[in-house]
Amino acid sequence: MSNEVFHAKDIRRLVIEDAEPKFKPVSTAYKLTGPASQMNVNEDQIAAIEKIMTAQDYALILGMPGTGKTTTIAHIIRALVAQRQECPADFIHAHGG
């Protein structure tokens, strides 16, 4: 993910104006890491991690309660840290409901 796109106004504009997100065509080759208790991820979560790690502007994680969004986000943060990329405060916006 490009560090220069993490401006809240720009991201809001992209999402509100329904701009389609842009992704790099390459895999990140990110390997899941963490305690064994956190390694239980399904294929959809792995695909979401891969997709988000190739985002050039923004990506959304959608799902019903209990589907693993928080676990997926935790792995994304680990991947960003492993790649020594900055994880800005506005990277994550969770809405419970």
Protein backbone atom coordinates (compact mmCIF):
# COMPACT_ATOMS: atom_id res chain seq x y z
CA MET A 1 0.00 0.00 0.00
CA SER A 2 1.35 3.37 -0.92
CA ASN A 3 2.14 5.58 2.08
CA GLU A 4 1.04 8.73 0.26
CA VAL A 5 -2.62 7.72 -0.05
CA PHE A 6 -3.35 7.55 3.65
CA HIS A 7 -5.01 10.91 3.92
CA ALA A 8 -8.44 10.63 5.52
CA LYS A 9 -10.06 13.12 3.12
CA ASP A 10 -8.76 11.29 0.06
CA ILE A 11 -9.87 7.90 1.31
CA ARG A 12 -13.32 9.19 2.28
CA ARG A 13 -13.68 10.71 -1.18
CA LEU A 14 -12.75 7.43 -2.88
CA VAL A 15 -15.22 5.43 -0.80
CA ILE A 16 -18.07 7.95 -0.85
CA GLU A 17 -17.76 8.54 -4.59
CA ASP A 18 -17.78 4.76 -5.05
CA ALA A 19 -14.40 4.71 -6.79
CA GLU A 20 -13.28 1.16 -7.49
CA PRO A 21 -10.14 0.28 -5.49
CA LYS A 22 -6.91 -0.35 -7.37
CA PHE A 23 -4.68 -3.34 -6.69
CA LYS A 24 -1.20 -4.41 -7.75
CA PRO A 25 -1.28 -7.60 -9.83
CA VAL A 26 1.40 -9.33 -7.73
CA SER A 27 1.19 -11.51 -4.64
CA THR A 28 2.73 -10.26 -1.42
CA ALA A 29 4.07 -13.71 -0.44
CA TYR A 30 3.05 -12.90 3.13
CA LYS A 31 3.33 -15.88 5.46
CA LEU A 32 0.91 -16.09 8.37
CA THR A 33 2.66 -15.67 11.71
CA GLY A 34 1.64 -15.51 15.32
CA PRO A 35 0.65 -17.77 18.19
CA ALA A 36 -0.94 -21.10 17.27
CA SER A 37 -4.23 -19.89 18.75
CA GLN A 38 -4.34 -17.18 16.07
CA MET A 39 -3.40 -19.34 13.08
CA ASN A 40 -6.87 -20.74 12.48
CA VAL A 41 -7.82 -18.71 9.40
CA ASN A 42 -9.97 -19.85 6.51
CA GLU A 43 -9.42 -19.50 2.76
CA ASP A 44 -11.53 -16.33 2.54
CA GLN A 45 -9.46 -14.67 5.25
CA ILE A 46 -6.20 -15.63 3.52
CA ALA A 47 -7.55 -14.26 0.22
CA ALA A 48 -8.58 -11.02 1.96
CA ILE A 49 -5.11 -10.61 3.48
CA GLU A 50 -3.46 -11.15 0.10
CA LYS A 51 -5.85 -8.75 -1.64
CA ILE A 52 -5.49 -5.98 0.92
CA MET A 53 -1.71 -6.24 0.92
CA THR A 54 -1.79 -5.39 -2.80
CA ALA A 55 -4.14 -2.40 -2.42
CA GLN A 56 -2.85 0.79 -3.99
CA ASP A 57 -5.43 3.15 -2.54
CA TYR A 58 -7.99 1.47 -0.29
CA ALA A 59 -9.75 -1.78 0.43
CA LEU A 60 -12.71 -2.71 2.58
CA ILE A 61 -13.25 -5.78 4.70
CA LEU A 62 -16.91 -6.68 4.90
CA GLY A 63 -18.57 -9.52 6.72
CA MET A 64 -21.23 -10.58 9.14
CA PRO A 65 -20.45 -10.60 12.87
CA GLY A 66 -18.22 -13.49 13.84
CA THR A 67 -16.73 -14.10 10.39
CA GLY A 68 -13.14 -13.21 11.35
CA LYS A 69 -12.73 -9.59 10.28
CA THR A 70 -10.74 -8.71 13.41
CA THR A 71 -8.44 -11.72 13.00
CA THR A 72 -7.93 -10.78 9.35
CA ILE A 73 -7.08 -7.18 10.28
CA ALA A 74 -4.60 -8.40 12.93
CA HIS A 75 -2.78 -10.43 10.27
CA ILE A 76 -2.77 -7.43 7.92
CA ILE A 77 -1.15 -5.31 10.62
CA ARG A 78 1.46 -8.04 11.20
CA ALA A 79 2.16 -8.13 7.46
CA LEU A 80 2.60 -4.35 7.32
CA VAL A 81 4.96 -4.45 10.28
CA ALA A 82 6.91 -7.35 8.71
CA GLN A 83 7.31 -5.26 5.55
CA ARG A 84 8.26 -2.27 7.70
CA GLN A 85 5.43 -0.22 6.31
CA GLU A 86 3.71 2.40 8.37
CA CYS A 87 0.29 1.45 9.68
CA PRO A 88 -1.48 4.82 9.94
CA ALA A 89 -4.14 5.51 12.55
CA ASP A 90 -6.84 5.89 9.89
CA PHE A 91 -5.98 2.48 8.38
CA ILE A 92 -8.58 0.72 10.44
CA HIS A 93 -12.13 1.86 10.94
CA ALA A 94 -14.36 -0.72 12.50
CA HIS A 95 -18.10 -0.40 12.79
CA GLY A 96 -19.84 -2.76 15.11
CA GLY A 97 -23.51 -3.39 14.76
